[in-house]
C-alpha cells in the first residue's frame, strides 16, 4: 500500500467518523425534544388527575397531603425538565467540540474519546415521583 492510498483511506476514515459524530449530534437533539414531550405529558397527566380529584372534595380526606403531593409533582416536572435540558445541551456541546477537533486529530493514534458522565437524575426524579403518588394516594385514605 503506497502513501497516496493510505492518505485516501485516512481521509475516508475521517469522513466516516465525522458522519457518525454528526448523526450522534442529531440523535441528541432529537432526544432533547423527546424528553420535553415525555416530561410534559407525565406532568400534565398527573396534575390533571390532581385537579379532577380536587373538584370532588369527598374523595380527598387529607388536603395537606394532597397539596404536598401536587407541589412535589410540579417541582419534579420543573426540575427534571431543567436537568434533562442541561444534560442534553452539555452532551451536544461535548460532541460539537469533538467534531471541531477532528481535523487536528493524529490518525496514527487511537481516537481520544471521553468517558460519558454518570448521572443519576432520572432515578432520583423517579423516586420522588413515586413518593408524590404515594402521598396523593394517602390523601385519599381516611385514617
Protein backbone atom coordinates (compact mmCIF):
# COMPACT_ATOMS: atom_id res chain seq x y z
CA UNK A 1 0.00 0.00 0.00
CA UNK A 2 1.55 3.27 -1.04
CA UNK A 3 1.44 6.62 0.71
CA UNK A 4 -1.24 8.04 -1.57
CA UNK A 5 -3.63 5.13 -0.90
CA UNK A 6 -3.03 5.49 2.83
CA UNK A 7 -3.87 9.21 2.69
CA UNK A 8 -7.11 8.42 0.83
CA UNK A 9 -8.11 5.80 3.40
CA UNK A 10 -7.34 8.17 6.28
CA UNK A 11 -9.44 10.84 4.58
CA UNK A 12 -12.31 8.36 4.16
CA UNK A 13 -11.99 7.31 7.81
CA UNK A 14 -12.20 10.96 8.88
CA UNK A 15 -15.32 11.46 6.75
CA UNK A 16 -16.88 8.32 8.19
CA UNK A 17 -16.13 9.41 11.76
CA UNK A 18 -17.41 12.89 11.07
CA UNK A 19 -20.64 11.39 9.70
CA UNK A 20 -21.06 9.22 12.80
CA UNK A 21 -20.47 12.19 15.10
CA UNK A 22 -22.95 14.32 13.15
CA UNK A 23 -25.54 11.54 13.43
CA UNK A 24 -24.89 11.31 17.17
CA UNK A 25 -25.42 15.04 17.49
CA UNK A 26 -28.70 14.81 15.59
CA UNK A 27 -29.76 11.94 17.86
CA UNK A 28 -29.09 14.04 20.96
CA UNK A 29 -31.08 16.93 19.55
CA UNK A 30 -33.96 14.53 18.88
CA UNK A 31 -33.68 13.18 22.44
CA UNK A 32 -33.97 16.74 23.74
CA UNK A 33 -37.35 17.18 22.09
CA UNK A 34 -38.42 13.67 23.05
CA UNK A 35 -37.59 14.25 26.70
CA UNK A 36 -39.54 17.50 26.61
CA UNK A 37 -42.58 15.67 25.29
CA UNK A 38 -42.36 12.81 27.81
CA UNK A 39 -41.84 15.03 30.85
CA UNK A 40 -44.58 17.43 29.80
CA UNK A 41 -47.02 14.58 29.17
CA UNK A 42 -46.41 12.96 32.55
CA UNK A 43 -46.62 16.20 34.49
CA UNK A 44 -49.78 17.37 32.70
CA UNK A 45 -51.44 13.99 33.21
CA UNK A 46 -50.66 13.87 36.92
CA UNK A 47 -51.62 17.50 37.52
CA UNK A 48 -54.85 16.88 35.55
CA UNK A 49 -55.66 13.91 37.76
CA UNK A 50 -54.99 16.02 40.85
CA UNK A 51 -57.25 18.80 39.60
CA UNK A 52 -60.02 16.33 38.76
CA UNK A 53 -59.84 14.87 42.27
CA UNK A 54 -59.67 18.31 43.91
CA UNK A 55 -63.07 19.25 42.45
CA UNK A 56 -64.54 16.25 44.18
CA UNK A 57 -63.88 17.21 47.80
CA UNK A 58 -65.42 13.99 49.13
CA UNK A 59 -62.51 11.96 47.67
CA UNK A 60 -59.70 13.91 49.34
CA UNK A 61 -59.54 13.18 53.06
CA UNK A 62 -56.28 14.98 53.89
CA UNK A 63 -55.88 18.21 51.95
CA UNK A 64 -52.36 18.85 53.29
CA UNK A 65 -51.05 15.58 51.82
CA UNK A 66 -52.85 16.33 48.56
CA UNK A 67 -51.27 19.78 48.25
CA UNK A 68 -47.88 18.39 49.26
CA UNK A 69 -48.19 15.79 46.51
CA UNK A 70 -49.30 18.42 44.00
CA UNK A 71 -46.38 20.72 44.89
CA UNK A 72 -43.92 17.84 44.67
CA UNK A 73 -45.26 16.87 41.23
CA UNK A 74 -44.83 20.43 39.97
CA UNK A 75 -41.27 20.60 41.36
CA UNK A 76 -40.39 17.24 39.81
CA UNK A 77 -41.72 18.36 36.43
CA UNK A 78 -39.81 21.64 36.52
CA UNK A 79 -36.53 20.31 37.89
CA UNK A 80 -36.49 17.21 35.70
CA UNK A 81 -37.17 19.31 32.63
CA UNK A 82 -34.35 21.68 33.53
CA UNK A 83 -31.98 18.83 34.31
CA UNK A 84 -32.69 16.99 31.07
CA UNK A 85 -32.27 20.13 29.02
CA UNK A 86 -29.00 20.98 30.74
CA UNK A 87 -27.54 17.47 30.41
CA UNK A 88 -28.51 17.07 26.78
CA UNK A 89 -27.21 20.54 25.90
CA UNK A 90 -23.95 19.68 27.67
CA UNK A 91 -23.67 16.47 25.62
CA UNK A 92 -24.34 18.39 22.41
CA UNK A 93 -21.55 20.83 23.30
CA UNK A 94 -19.14 17.95 24.00
CA UNK A 95 -19.87 16.22 20.70
CA UNK A 96 -19.64 19.51 18.82
CA UNK A 97 -16.24 20.13 20.40
CA UNK A 98 -15.08 16.66 19.36
CA UNK A 99 -16.27 17.26 15.80
CA UNK A 100 -14.36 20.56 15.65
CA UNK A 101 -11.20 18.82 16.87
CA UNK A 102 -11.36 16.07 14.23
CA UNK A 103 -9.22 17.84 11.60
CA UNK A 104 -6.39 18.21 14.16
CA UNK A 105 -6.61 14.56 15.23
CA UNK A 106 -3.48 12.42 14.91
CA UNK A 107 -4.79 9.46 12.93
CA UNK A 108 -1.80 7.31 13.80
CA UNK A 109 -3.01 7.23 17.42
CA UNK A 110 -6.33 5.89 18.74
CA UNK A 111 -9.07 8.49 18.95
CA UNK A 112 -9.39 10.35 22.24
CA UNK A 113 -12.93 9.71 23.38
CA UNK A 114 -14.02 10.96 26.75
CA UNK A 115 -15.94 8.61 29.00
CA UNK A 116 -19.60 9.54 29.39
CA UNK A 117 -20.55 11.32 32.57
CA UNK A 118 -22.51 9.35 35.12
CA UNK A 119 -25.64 10.91 36.48
CA UNK A 120 -28.49 9.52 38.48
CA UNK A 121 -31.04 12.29 37.95
CA UNK A 122 -33.64 10.11 36.19
CA UNK A 123 -33.62 7.60 39.05
CA UNK A 124 -33.83 10.37 41.67
CA UNK A 125 -36.78 12.00 39.90
CA UNK A 126 -38.45 8.60 39.55
CA UNK A 127 -38.18 8.00 43.31
CA UNK A 128 -39.69 11.42 44.05
CA UNK A 129 -42.45 10.74 41.51
CA UNK A 130 -43.32 7.51 43.36
CA UNK A 131 -43.24 9.38 46.70
CA UNK A 132 -45.61 12.05 45.37
CA UNK A 133 -48.01 9.40 44.05
CA UNK A 134 -47.93 7.62 47.43
CA UNK A 135 -48.63 10.94 49.19
CA UNK A 136 -51.59 11.58 46.91
CA UNK A 137 -52.99 8.09 47.47
CA UNK A 138 -52.58 8.59 51.22
CA UNK A 139 -54.53 11.86 50.93
CA UNK A 140 -57.47 9.83 49.67
CA UNK A 141 -57.41 7.46 52.65
CA UNK A 142 -59.27 8.38 55.82
CA UNK A 143 -57.10 7.37 58.78
